[in-house]
Amino acid sequence: MKVLQILCVSFMLFATSTHAAEFIDGLDDIPLMPQTTQLHSNNITFGNDESRFSEAYISSEKNKFKNIADFYKKTLPQLGWKFVSNKENALHFERDMEVLDIVLEKSKPLLVRVTLKSKD
């Protein structure tokens, strides 16, 4: 019985000390950067078996676009995305037959548009 209690307490401590990664709704495997918030009312998603288009907006009071860019440049290649370019506050990634754009829309408060679409 003591062993079971120890295991239960150990599990609860482990479970509360780990943080599950959050992902952007509608963009399946694109992580939501910590200290950012997704604006759910602005999501757009549509598609079929051949192509898709998804767009979401994230905001932050604590981050600058440089922090966002650094996070996604580091994180997305681990998920199979290839960083292609960084032009005028816009990041461009590609994976298989899809492209992902992360674009600064507004600096204060920070507003970033994340768009995933099938390649033409």
Protein backbone atom coordinates (compact mmCIF):
# COMPACT_ATOMS: atom_id res chain seq x y z
CA MET A 1 0.00 0.00 0.00
CA LYS A 2 2.85 2.41 0.86
CA VAL A 3 4.43 1.78 -2.54
CA LEU A 4 1.18 2.64 -4.29
CA GLN A 5 0.89 5.91 -2.36
CA ILE A 6 4.49 6.84 -3.21
CA LEU A 7 3.88 6.08 -6.89
CA CYS A 8 0.70 8.19 -6.92
CA VAL A 9 2.42 11.16 -5.27
CA SER A 10 5.41 10.83 -7.62
CA PHE A 11 3.11 10.79 -10.65
CA MET A 12 1.20 13.86 -9.46
CA LEU A 13 4.46 15.77 -8.92
CA PHE A 14 5.73 14.76 -12.35
CA ALA A 15 2.45 15.66 -14.07
CA THR A 16 2.31 19.13 -12.52
CA SER A 17 5.95 19.90 -13.30
CA THR A 18 5.70 19.22 -17.03
CA HIS A 19 3.96 21.56 -19.44
CA ALA A 20 2.13 20.23 -22.45
CA ALA A 21 2.87 22.12 -25.63
CA GLU A 22 -0.01 24.14 -26.97
CA PHE A 23 -0.68 24.31 -30.68
CA ILE A 24 -2.45 26.89 -32.81
CA ASP A 25 -6.06 25.82 -33.41
CA GLY A 26 -6.64 25.06 -37.07
CA LEU A 27 -2.92 24.65 -37.77
CA ASP A 28 -2.57 21.14 -36.30
CA ASP A 29 1.15 20.96 -35.54
CA ILE A 30 2.24 24.60 -35.38
CA PRO A 31 3.09 25.38 -31.74
CA LEU A 32 1.75 28.44 -29.99
CA MET A 33 4.72 30.32 -28.57
CA PRO A 34 4.65 30.69 -24.78
CA GLN A 35 3.36 34.09 -23.61
CA THR A 36 1.26 34.49 -26.74
CA THR A 37 -2.48 34.16 -27.16
CA GLN A 38 -4.44 32.99 -30.16
CA LEU A 39 -7.32 35.23 -31.22
CA HIS A 40 -9.89 32.52 -31.93
CA SER A 41 -12.50 34.81 -33.45
CA ASN A 42 -10.21 35.51 -36.40
CA ASN A 43 -9.49 31.91 -37.47
CA ILE A 44 -10.15 30.91 -41.08
CA THR A 45 -9.87 27.30 -42.22
CA PHE A 46 -11.10 25.58 -45.35
CA GLY A 47 -9.93 22.95 -47.74
CA ASN A 48 -10.48 19.59 -49.37
CA ASP A 49 -8.44 16.48 -50.19
CA GLU A 50 -6.24 18.40 -52.62
CA SER A 51 -5.57 21.71 -50.90
CA ARG A 52 -6.13 23.67 -47.73
CA PHE A 53 -5.91 27.17 -46.32
CA SER A 54 -5.73 28.08 -42.63
CA GLU A 55 -5.12 31.45 -41.07
CA ALA A 56 -4.84 32.39 -37.41
CA TYR A 57 -3.77 35.44 -35.45
CA ILE A 58 -1.69 35.46 -32.29
CA SER A 59 -0.94 38.37 -29.99
CA SER A 60 1.33 39.16 -27.09
CA GLU A 61 1.85 41.93 -24.59
CA LYS A 62 5.31 40.65 -23.57
CA ASN A 63 7.01 39.66 -26.83
CA LYS A 64 8.41 41.49 -29.82
CA PHE A 65 8.33 40.10 -33.35
CA LYS A 66 12.04 39.26 -33.06
CA ASN A 67 11.20 36.87 -30.19
CA ILE A 68 8.43 35.30 -32.27
CA ALA A 69 10.77 34.94 -35.27
CA ASP A 70 13.54 33.37 -33.16
CA PHE A 71 11.09 30.91 -31.58
CA TYR A 72 9.67 29.70 -34.91
CA LYS A 73 13.06 29.58 -36.66
CA LYS A 74 14.25 27.29 -33.88
CA THR A 75 11.09 25.21 -33.38
CA LEU A 76 9.60 24.62 -36.83
CA PRO A 77 12.60 22.80 -38.39
CA GLN A 78 12.16 20.19 -35.66
CA LEU A 79 8.68 19.61 -37.09
CA GLY A 80 9.90 19.21 -40.66
CA TRP A 81 9.53 22.81 -41.82
CA LYS A 82 12.35 24.33 -43.88
CA PHE A 83 13.07 28.02 -43.26
CA VAL A 84 13.11 29.74 -46.66
CA SER A 85 13.22 33.50 -46.09
CA ASN A 86 12.82 36.42 -43.73
CA LYS A 87 11.66 39.60 -45.48
CA GLU A 88 10.32 42.77 -43.86
CA ASN A 89 8.90 41.19 -40.71
CA ALA A 90 7.68 38.09 -42.50
CA LEU A 91 8.97 34.52 -42.18
CA HIS A 92 8.43 31.94 -44.91
CA PHE A 93 8.67 28.16 -44.36
CA GLU A 94 7.96 25.18 -46.61
CA ARG A 95 7.22 21.51 -45.92
CA ASP A 96 6.16 18.90 -48.44
CA MET A 97 3.39 20.55 -50.47
CA GLU A 98 2.59 23.36 -48.00
CA VAL A 99 3.87 26.84 -47.20
CA LEU A 100 3.70 28.65 -43.88
CA ASP A 101 3.96 32.42 -43.50
CA ILE A 102 4.34 34.23 -40.18
CA VAL A 103 3.81 37.96 -40.65
CA LEU A 104 3.91 40.95 -38.31
CA GLU A 105 0.62 42.82 -38.65
CA LYS A 106 1.00 45.29 -35.76
CA SER A 107 3.74 46.04 -33.21
CA LYS A 108 1.78 47.41 -30.22
CA PRO A 109 0.15 45.33 -29.06
CA LEU A 110 1.92 42.64 -31.02
CA LEU A 111 -0.34 41.04 -33.64
CA VAL A 112 0.99 38.27 -35.87
CA ARG A 113 -0.78 36.50 -38.75
CA VAL A 114 0.06 32.80 -39.29
CA THR A 115 -1.03 31.40 -42.66
CA LEU A 116 -0.69 27.82 -43.88
CA LYS A 117 -1.67 26.96 -47.44
CA SER A 118 -1.06 24.34 -50.08
CA LYS A 119 1.55 25.09 -52.71
CA ASP A 120 0.12 26.12 -56.06
